Amino acid sequence: MPDALFDDPRLAAVYDAFDGERDDLVTYVGLVQELRPRRVLDLGCGTGSFALLLAGRGFDVVAVDPAAASLAVAMAKPGAEAVRWLCCDSTALPPVAADLVTMTGNVAQAITQPRTWGETLSNVRKVLEPGGCLVFETRDPRDRAWERWTRDTTRQVVAAPEGGTVEAWTEVTSVALPLVSFRTTFVFHDDGETRTSHSTLRFRGREEVENDLAAHGYEVVEIRGAPDRPGREFVFLARVTSLG
């Protein structure tokens, strides 16, 4: 089940306001322009920011997410008609041929169970054309990012699309590496309503990711740093080497 942050309609409606300018997407746009795929499958597209960026640059984009509320936000945005939107998760991908599959933000880390992660890599490989690529990011666990996820350091107040302001902050609830769980609290100041979303991320080391990719028919072509988190995050570019 998707986290409430993505699947609760009221929380999905304010997601972009808290997500900011998404400078992290610059890396992915650059990679897509380098690779020049015919079709991109954006897995875990959320509210569609990246899919719409690519579609606006003329790429053929299929965007997939299991959270219906996030997809509803995405499909209401200008230019949404240029994207094919599909509501499903990484273990039930439709037979859509793609030259490039992307997982931006926390998508890869949100797939916490090893079996599901393996199924995701296998299913992505099946939709990729021979020689196609998978691009995704994951935080370097050595940076221990979760130690900075406190109420004081994460608190934000933003304007809500429906009017008024919304306050939100994140607090870690459990650290049992490689899993880190946390709670995000939202307070809607217009009516005083409070809603929470509970999430868990898996922090995979570089060697673990490389081994997982090799075991599922990929070759790591390049590992880059993320410009928005220099020295704290890996961006993997992997190419299909075996269709299995």
C-alpha atoms as a PDB file:
ATOM      1  CA  MET A   1       0.000   0.000   0.000  1.00  0.00           C
ATOM      2  CA  PRO A   2       1.324   3.489  -0.838  1.00  0.00           C
ATOM      3  CA  ASP A   3       2.098   5.787   2.088  1.00  0.00           C
ATOM      4  CA  ALA A   4      -0.668   8.241   3.035  1.00  0.00           C
ATOM      5  CA  LEU A   5       1.627  11.041   1.892  1.00  0.00           C
ATOM      6  CA  PHE A   6       0.984   9.855  -1.670  1.00  0.00           C
ATOM      7  CA  ASP A   7      -2.423   8.183  -1.499  1.00  0.00           C
ATOM      8  CA  ASP A   8      -4.407  10.484   0.803  1.00  0.00           C
ATOM      9  CA  PRO A   9      -6.046  13.028  -1.548  1.00  0.00           C
ATOM     10  CA  ARG A  10      -5.575  15.949   0.849  1.00  0.00           C
ATOM     11  CA  LEU A  11      -1.905  15.141   1.423  1.00  0.00           C
ATOM     12  CA  ALA A  12      -1.216  14.435  -2.243  1.00  0.00           C
ATOM     13  CA  ALA A  13      -2.665  17.850  -3.078  1.00  0.00           C
ATOM     14  CA  VAL A  14       0.006  19.611  -0.987  1.00  0.00           C
ATOM     15  CA  TYR A  15       2.919  17.320  -1.888  1.00  0.00           C
ATOM     16  CA  ASP A  16       4.384  19.597  -4.562  1.00  0.00           C
ATOM     17  CA  ALA A  17       4.275  22.618  -2.266  1.00  0.00           C
ATOM     18  CA  PHE A  18       6.587  20.839   0.173  1.00  0.00           C
ATOM     19  CA  ASP A  19       8.749  19.252  -2.507  1.00  0.00           C
ATOM     20  CA  GLY A  20      10.125  22.576  -3.740  1.00  0.00           C
ATOM     21  CA  GLU A  21      11.839  23.216  -7.053  1.00  0.00           C
ATOM     22  CA  ARG A  22      13.024  19.599  -7.508  1.00  0.00           C
ATOM     23  CA  ASP A  23      16.588  20.499  -8.435  1.00  0.00           C
ATOM     24  CA  ASP A  24      17.342  16.780  -8.209  1.00  0.00           C
ATOM     25  CA  LEU A  25      15.533  16.252 -11.503  1.00  0.00           C
ATOM     26  CA  VAL A  26      18.221  18.193 -13.387  1.00  0.00           C
ATOM     27  CA  THR A  27      20.453  15.101 -13.274  1.00  0.00           C
ATOM     28  CA  TYR A  28      17.744  12.930 -14.745  1.00  0.00           C
ATOM     29  CA  VAL A  29      16.786  15.356 -17.492  1.00  0.00           C
ATOM     30  CA  GLY A  30      20.450  15.523 -18.472  1.00  0.00           C
ATOM     31  CA  LEU A  31      20.729  11.729 -18.553  1.00  0.00           C
ATOM     32  CA  VAL A  32      17.630  11.376 -20.695  1.00  0.00           C
ATOM     33  CA  GLN A  33      18.958  13.947 -23.123  1.00  0.00           C
ATOM     34  CA  GLU A  34      22.271  12.061 -23.285  1.00  0.00           C
ATOM     35  CA  LEU A  35      20.645   8.670 -23.856  1.00  0.00           C
ATOM     36  CA  ARG A  36      17.972   9.977 -26.279  1.00  0.00           C
ATOM     37  CA  PRO A  37      15.473   7.141 -25.712  1.00  0.00           C
ATOM     38  CA  ARG A  38      12.408   6.671 -27.872  1.00  0.00           C
ATOM     39  CA  ARG A  39      10.242   5.964 -24.832  1.00  0.00           C
ATOM     40  CA  VAL A  40      10.761   6.576 -21.108  1.00  0.00           C
ATOM     41  CA  LEU A  41       8.902   4.713 -18.370  1.00  0.00           C
ATOM     42  CA  ASP A  42       8.866   6.824 -15.199  1.00  0.00           C
ATOM     43  CA  LEU A  43       8.328   4.299 -12.403  1.00  0.00           C
ATOM     44  CA  GLY A  44       6.951   5.801  -9.197  1.00  0.00           C
ATOM     45  CA  CYS A  45       6.030   9.024 -10.970  1.00  0.00           C
ATOM     46  CA  GLY A  46       4.117  10.486  -8.004  1.00  0.00           C
ATOM     47  CA  THR A  47       2.530  13.796  -8.899  1.00  0.00           C
ATOM     48  CA  GLY A  48       4.153  13.721 -12.324  1.00  0.00           C
ATOM     49  CA  SER A  49       6.818  16.439 -12.087  1.00  0.00           C
ATOM     50  CA  PHE A  50       9.501  14.500 -13.952  1.00  0.00           C
ATOM     51  CA  ALA A  51       7.166  12.862 -16.469  1.00  0.00           C
ATOM     52  CA  LEU A  52       5.797  16.261 -17.452  1.00  0.00           C
ATOM     53  CA  LEU A  53       9.289  17.739 -17.749  1.00  0.00           C
ATOM     54  CA  LEU A  54      10.206  15.006 -20.217  1.00  0.00           C
ATOM     55  CA  ALA A  55       6.961  15.179 -22.148  1.00  0.00           C
ATOM     56  CA  GLY A  56       7.438  18.933 -22.457  1.00  0.00           C
ATOM     57  CA  ARG A  57      10.778  18.226 -24.142  1.00  0.00           C
ATOM     58  CA  GLY A  58       9.145  15.942 -26.697  1.00  0.00           C
ATOM     59  CA  PHE A  59       9.863  12.509 -25.185  1.00  0.00           C
ATOM     60  CA  ASP A  60       7.311   9.679 -25.305  1.00  0.00           C
ATOM     61  CA  VAL A  61       6.566   9.068 -21.615  1.00  0.00           C
ATOM     62  CA  VAL A  62       4.654   6.388 -19.731  1.00  0.00           C
ATOM     63  CA  ALA A  63       4.249   7.256 -16.037  1.00  0.00           C
ATOM     64  CA  VAL A  64       3.433   4.595 -13.443  1.00  0.00           C
ATOM     65  CA  ASP A  65       2.471   4.891  -9.785  1.00  0.00           C
ATOM     66  CA  PRO A  66       0.389   2.808  -7.344  1.00  0.00           C
ATOM     67  CA  ALA A  67      -1.025   5.892  -5.581  1.00  0.00           C
ATOM     68  CA  ALA A  68      -4.268   6.955  -7.248  1.00  0.00           C
ATOM     69  CA  ALA A  69      -4.389  10.278  -5.384  1.00  0.00           C
ATOM     70  CA  SER A  70      -0.937  11.290  -6.669  1.00  0.00           C
ATOM     71  CA  LEU A  71      -1.881  10.309 -10.202  1.00  0.00           C
ATOM     72  CA  ALA A  72      -5.034  12.428  -9.939  1.00  0.00           C
ATOM     73  CA  VAL A  73      -2.863  15.450  -9.082  1.00  0.00           C
ATOM     74  CA  ALA A  74      -0.529  14.655 -11.970  1.00  0.00           C
ATOM     75  CA  MET A  75      -3.290  14.253 -14.522  1.00  0.00           C
ATOM     76  CA  ALA A  76      -4.791  17.628 -13.600  1.00  0.00           C
ATOM     77  CA  LYS A  77      -1.584  19.488 -14.469  1.00  0.00           C
ATOM     78  CA  PRO A  78      -1.025  21.383 -17.741  1.00  0.00           C
ATOM     79  CA  GLY A  79       0.408  19.126 -20.427  1.00  0.00           C
ATOM     80  CA  ALA A  80      -0.769  15.916 -18.726  1.00  0.00           C
ATOM     81  CA  GLU A  81      -2.481  14.752 -21.915  1.00  0.00           C
ATOM     82  CA  ALA A  82       0.959  14.155 -23.439  1.00  0.00           C
ATOM     83  CA  VAL A  83       1.751  11.418 -20.893  1.00  0.00           C
ATOM     84  CA  ARG A  84       0.269   7.930 -20.593  1.00  0.00           C
ATOM     85  CA  TRP A  85      -0.602   7.469 -16.905  1.00  0.00           C
ATOM     86  CA  LEU A  86      -0.926   3.975 -15.371  1.00  0.00           C
ATOM     87  CA  CYS A  87      -1.953   3.076 -11.824  1.00  0.00           C
ATOM     88  CA  CYS A  88       0.027  -0.001 -10.775  1.00  0.00           C
ATOM     89  CA  ASP A  89       3.107  -0.930  -8.782  1.00  0.00           C
ATOM     90  CA  SER A  90       6.542  -2.188  -9.728  1.00  0.00           C
ATOM     91  CA  THR A  91       5.517  -5.853  -9.490  1.00  0.00           C
ATOM     92  CA  ALA A  92       2.679  -5.487 -12.006  1.00  0.00           C
ATOM     93  CA  LEU A  93       4.158  -3.480 -14.859  1.00  0.00           C
ATOM     94  CA  PRO A  94       2.209  -3.692 -18.122  1.00  0.00           C
ATOM     95  CA  PRO A  95       3.989  -4.882 -21.298  1.00  0.00           C
ATOM     96  CA  VAL A  96       5.125  -1.408 -22.324  1.00  0.00           C
ATOM     97  CA  ALA A  97       8.365  -1.408 -24.301  1.00  0.00           C
ATOM     98  CA  ALA A  98      10.783   1.296 -23.143  1.00  0.00           C
ATOM     99  CA  ASP A  99      14.374   2.269 -23.828  1.00  0.00           C
ATOM    100  CA  LEU A 100      14.792   3.887 -20.420  1.00  0.00           C
ATOM    101  CA  VAL A 101      13.195   3.334 -17.005  1.00  0.00           C
ATOM    102  CA  THR A 102      13.677   5.948 -14.297  1.00  0.00           C
ATOM    103  CA  MET A 103      13.052   5.902 -10.554  1.00  0.00           C
ATOM    104  CA  THR A 104      13.592   9.356  -9.086  1.00  0.00           C
ATOM    105  CA  GLY A 105      13.473  10.557  -5.497  1.00  0.00           C
ATOM    106  CA  ASN A 106      12.856   7.864  -2.873  1.00  0.00           C
ATOM    107  CA  VAL A 107      11.273   5.339  -5.228  1.00  0.00           C
ATOM    108  CA  ALA A 108      14.041   2.721  -5.122  1.00  0.00           C
ATOM    109  CA  GLN A 109      14.495   3.040  -1.353  1.00  0.00           C
ATOM    110  CA  ALA A 110      10.750   2.786  -0.750  1.00  0.00           C
ATOM    111  CA  ILE A 111      10.882  -0.761  -2.146  1.00  0.00           C
ATOM    112  CA  THR A 112      12.062  -2.178   1.154  1.00  0.00           C
ATOM    113  CA  GLN A 113      11.641  -5.950   0.866  1.00  0.00           C
ATOM    114  CA  PRO A 114      14.441  -7.848  -0.939  1.00  0.00           C
ATOM    115  CA  ARG A 115      11.947 -10.067  -2.755  1.00  0.00           C
ATOM    116  CA  THR A 116       9.936  -7.106  -4.028  1.00  0.00           C
ATOM    117  CA  TRP A 117      13.124  -5.282  -5.018  1.00  0.00           C
ATOM    118  CA  GLY A 118      14.220  -8.338  -6.991  1.00  0.00           C
ATOM    119  CA  GLU A 119      10.825  -8.582  -8.677  1.00  0.00           C
ATOM    120  CA  THR A 120      11.025  -4.909  -9.563  1.00  0.00           C
ATOM    121  CA  LEU A 121      14.430  -5.281 -11.201  1.00  0.00           C
ATOM    122  CA  SER A 122      13.224  -8.346 -13.107  1.00  0.00           C
ATOM    123  CA  ASN A 123      10.016  -6.675 -14.282  1.00  0.00           C
ATOM    124  CA  VAL A 124      11.845  -3.535 -15.351  1.00  0.00           C
ATOM    125  CA  ARG A 125      14.267  -5.690 -17.340  1.00  0.00           C
ATOM    126  CA  LYS A 126      11.308  -7.300 -19.132  1.00  0.00           C
ATOM    127  CA  VAL A 127       9.906  -3.966 -20.351  1.00  0.00           C
ATOM    128  CA  LEU A 128      13.291  -2.616 -21.422  1.00  0.00           C
ATOM    129  CA  GLU A 129      14.352  -3.014 -25.017  1.00  0.00           C
ATOM    130  CA  PRO A 130      17.684  -4.835 -25.586  1.00  0.00           C
ATOM    131  CA  GLY A 131      20.420  -2.490 -24.439  1.00  0.00           C
ATOM    132  CA  GLY A 132      17.917  -0.338 -22.568  1.00  0.00           C
ATOM    133  CA  CYS A 133      18.829   1.426 -19.334  1.00  0.00           C
ATOM    134  CA  LEU A 134      17.564   1.774 -15.783  1.00  0.00           C
ATOM    135  CA  VAL A 135      18.419   4.956 -13.886  1.00  0.00           C
ATOM    136  CA  PHE A 136      17.681   5.466 -10.185  1.00  0.00           C
ATOM    137  CA  GLU A 137      19.085   7.035  -7.049  1.00  0.00           C
ATOM    138  CA  THR A 138      19.694   5.817  -3.533  1.00  0.00           C
ATOM    139  CA  ARG A 139      21.211   7.539  -0.513  1.00  0.00           C
ATOM    140  CA  ASP A 140      24.612   6.390   0.664  1.00  0.00           C
ATOM    141  CA  PRO A 141      23.942   4.821   4.089  1.00  0.00           C
ATOM    142  CA  ARG A 142      27.367   5.996   5.295  1.00  0.00           C
ATOM    143  CA  ASP A 143      25.973   9.533   5.349  1.00  0.00           C
ATOM    144  CA  ARG A 144      23.356   8.517   7.964  1.00  0.00           C
ATOM    145  CA  ALA A 145      20.835  10.998   6.576  1.00  0.00           C
ATOM    146  CA  TRP A 146      18.150   9.883   9.038  1.00  0.00           C
ATOM    147  CA  GLU A 147      20.064  11.492  11.892  1.00  0.00           C
ATOM    148  CA  ARG A 148      19.083  14.868  10.412  1.00  0.00           C
ATOM    149  CA  TRP A 149      15.368  14.042  10.178  1.00  0.00           C
ATOM    150  CA  THR A 150      14.088  15.850  13.244  1.00  0.00           C
ATOM    151  CA  ARG A 151      11.159  18.172  13.788  1.00  0.00           C
ATOM    152  CA  ASP A 152      13.421  21.198  14.062  1.00  0.00           C
ATOM    153  CA  THR A 153      15.399  20.510  10.879  1.00  0.00           C
ATOM    154  CA  THR A 154      12.498  19.370   8.673  1.00  0.00           C
ATOM    155  CA  ARG A 155       9.687  21.727   9.704  1.00  0.00           C
ATOM    156  CA  GLN A 156       8.128  23.689   6.831  1.00  0.00           C
ATOM    157  CA  VAL A 157       5.069  25.916   6.448  1.00  0.00           C
ATOM    158  CA  VAL A 158       3.677  26.322   2.929  1.00  0.00           C
ATOM    159  CA  ALA A 159       0.601  27.730   1.245  1.00  0.00           C
ATOM    160  CA  ALA A 160      -2.030  25.100   0.506  1.00  0.00           C
ATOM    161  CA  PRO A 161      -3.700  24.957  -2.934  1.00  0.00           C
ATOM    162  CA  GLU A 162      -7.096  24.892  -1.202  1.00  0.00           C
ATOM    163  CA  GLY A 163      -6.250  28.015   0.822  1.00  0.00           C
ATOM    164  CA  GLY A 164      -4.570  28.695   4.130  1.00  0.00           C
ATOM    165  CA  THR A 165      -1.238  27.238   5.160  1.00  0.00           C
ATOM    166  CA  VAL A 166       0.005  23.764   6.012  1.00  0.00           C
ATOM    167  CA  GLU A 167       2.760  22.914   8.465  1.00  0.00           C
ATOM    168  CA  ALA A 168       4.707  19.638   8.243  1.00  0.00           C
ATOM    169  CA  TRP A 169       7.673  17.962   9.874  1.00  0.00           C
ATOM    170  CA  THR A 170       9.333  14.546   9.915  1.00  0.00           C
ATOM    171  CA  GLU A 171      10.497  12.489  12.896  1.00  0.00           C
ATOM    172  CA  VAL A 172      12.317   9.153  12.840  1.00  0.00           C
ATOM    173  CA  THR A 173      10.391   6.411  14.632  1.00  0.00           C
ATOM    174  CA  SER A 174      12.703   3.434  14.167  1.00  0.00           C
ATOM    175  CA  VAL A 175      16.228   2.660  12.982  1.00  0.00           C
ATOM    176  CA  ALA A 176      16.861  -1.033  12.318  1.00  0.00           C
ATOM    177  CA  LEU A 177      19.380  -0.844   9.516  1.00  0.00           C
ATOM    178  CA  PRO A 178      19.088  -1.191   6.628  1.00  0.00           C
ATOM    179  CA  LEU A 179      15.522  -0.011   7.383  1.00  0.00           C
ATOM    180  CA  VAL A 180      14.646   3.441   8.699  1.00  0.00           C
ATOM    181  CA  SER A 181      11.053   4.350   9.530  1.00  0.00           C
ATOM    182  CA  PHE A 182       9.689   7.824  10.061  1.00  0.00           C
ATOM    183  CA  ARG A 183       6.464   9.735  10.576  1.00  0.00           C
ATOM    184  CA  THR A 184       5.492  12.938   8.760  1.00  0.00           C
ATOM    185  CA  THR A 185       2.882  15.115  10.471  1.00  0.00           C
ATOM    186  CA  PHE A 186       0.757  17.638   8.578  1.00  0.00           C
ATOM    187  CA  VAL A 187      -1.260  20.381  10.285  1.00  0.00           C
ATOM    188  CA  PHE A 188      -3.767  22.269   8.128  1.00  0.00           C
ATOM    189  CA  HIS A 189      -4.063  25.696   9.709  1.00  0.00           C
ATOM    190  CA  ASP A 190      -7.310  26.640   7.983  1.00  0.00           C
ATOM    191  CA  ASP A 191      -9.337  24.033   9.880  1.00  0.00           C
ATOM    192  CA  GLY A 192      -6.822  22.667  12.411  1.00  0.00           C
ATOM    193  CA  GLU A 193      -6.893  19.141  10.994  1.00  0.00           C
ATOM    194  CA  THR A 194      -3.825  16.963  11.593  1.00  0.00           C
ATOM    195  CA  ARG A 195      -2.907  14.020   9.397  1.00  0.00           C
ATOM    196  CA  THR A 196       0.091  11.713   9.528  1.00  0.00           C
ATOM    197  CA  SER A 197       1.945   9.517   7.072  1.00  0.00           C
ATOM    198  CA  HIS A 198       4.210   6.629   8.059  1.00  0.00           C
ATOM    199  CA  SER A 199       7.084   5.616   5.784  1.00  0.00           C
ATOM    200  CA  THR A 200      10.015   3.208   5.681  1.00  0.00           C
ATOM    201  CA  LEU A 201      13.095   3.408   3.459  1.00  0.00           C
ATOM    202  CA  ARG A 202      15.809   0.846   2.840  1.00  0.00           C
ATOM    203  CA  PHE A 203      19.377   2.146   2.780  1.00  0.00           C
ATOM    204  CA  ARG A 204      21.407  -0.040   0.392  1.00  0.00           C
ATOM    205  CA  GLY A 205      25.161   0.317   0.126  1.00  0.00           C
ATOM    206  CA  ARG A 206      26.857   0.712  -3.235  1.00  0.00           C
ATOM    207  CA  GLU A 207      28.162  -2.863  -3.317  1.00  0.00           C
ATOM    208  CA  GLU A 208      24.738  -4.278  -2.452  1.00  0.00           C
ATOM    209  CA  VAL A 209      23.094  -2.364  -5.286  1.00  0.00           C
ATOM    210  CA  GLU A 210      25.773  -3.415  -7.757  1.00  0.00           C
ATOM    211  CA  ASN A 211      25.339  -7.069  -6.755  1.00  0.00           C
ATOM    212  CA  ASP A 212      21.551  -6.856  -7.032  1.00  0.00           C
ATOM    213  CA  LEU A 213      21.779  -5.350 -10.496  1.00  0.00           C
ATOM    214  CA  ALA A 214      24.253  -7.977 -11.713  1.00  0.00           C
ATOM    215  CA  ALA A 215      22.056 -10.778 -10.330  1.00  0.00           C
ATOM    216  CA  HIS A 216      19.093  -9.514 -12.353  1.00  0.00           C
ATOM    217  CA  GLY A 217      20.738  -9.043 -15.717  1.00  0.00           C
ATOM    218  CA  TYR A 218      22.163  -5.532 -15.596  1.00  0.00           C
ATOM    219  CA  GLU A 219      25.593  -4.028 -16.098  1.00  0.00           C
ATOM    220  CA  VAL A 220      26.432  -0.893 -14.139  1.00  0.00           C
ATOM    221  CA  VAL A 221      27.527   1.635 -16.742  1.00  0.00           C
ATOM    222  CA  GLU A 222      28.122   4.566 -14.425  1.00  0.00           C
ATOM    223  CA  ILE A 223      27.545   5.763 -10.884  1.00  0.00           C
ATOM    224  CA  ARG A 224      27.151   9.504 -10.493  1.00  0.00           C
ATOM    225  CA  GLY A 225      26.681  11.811  -7.570  1.00  0.00           C
ATOM    226  CA  ALA A 226      23.481  13.771  -7.074  1.00  0.00           C
ATOM    227  CA  PRO A 227      23.956  17.538  -7.438  1.00  0.00           C
ATOM    228  CA  ASP A 228      21.387  18.272  -4.744  1.00  0.00           C
ATOM    229  CA  ARG A 229      23.107  15.900  -2.264  1.00  0.00           C
ATOM    230  CA  PRO A 230      26.818  15.931  -3.213  1.00  0.00           C
ATOM    231  CA  GLY A 231      28.733  13.071  -1.659  1.00  0.00           C
ATOM    232  CA  ARG A 232      25.592  11.706  -0.009  1.00  0.00           C
ATOM    233  CA  GLU A 233      23.763   9.869  -2.761  1.00  0.00           C
ATOM    234  CA  PHE A 234      24.405   7.514  -5.684  1.00  0.00           C
ATOM    235  CA  VAL A 235      22.750   7.816  -9.084  1.00  0.00           C
ATOM    236  CA  PHE A 236      23.015   4.451 -10.873  1.00  0.00           C
ATOM    237  CA  LEU A 237      22.940   4.037 -14.643  1.00  0.00           C
ATOM    238  CA  ALA A 238      22.584   0.337 -15.512  1.00  0.00           C
ATOM    239  CA  ARG A 239      22.126  -1.354 -18.886  1.00  0.00           C
ATOM    240  CA  VAL A 240      20.326  -4.590 -19.647  1.00  0.00           C
ATOM    241  CA  THR A 241      22.808  -7.342 -20.468  1.00  0.00           C
ATOM    242  CA  SER A 242      20.547 -10.378 -20.252  1.00  0.00           C
ATOM    243  CA  LEU A 243      16.856 -10.839 -20.940  1.00  0.00           C
ATOM    244  CA  GLY A 244      16.727 -13.944 -18.748  1.00  0.00           C
END
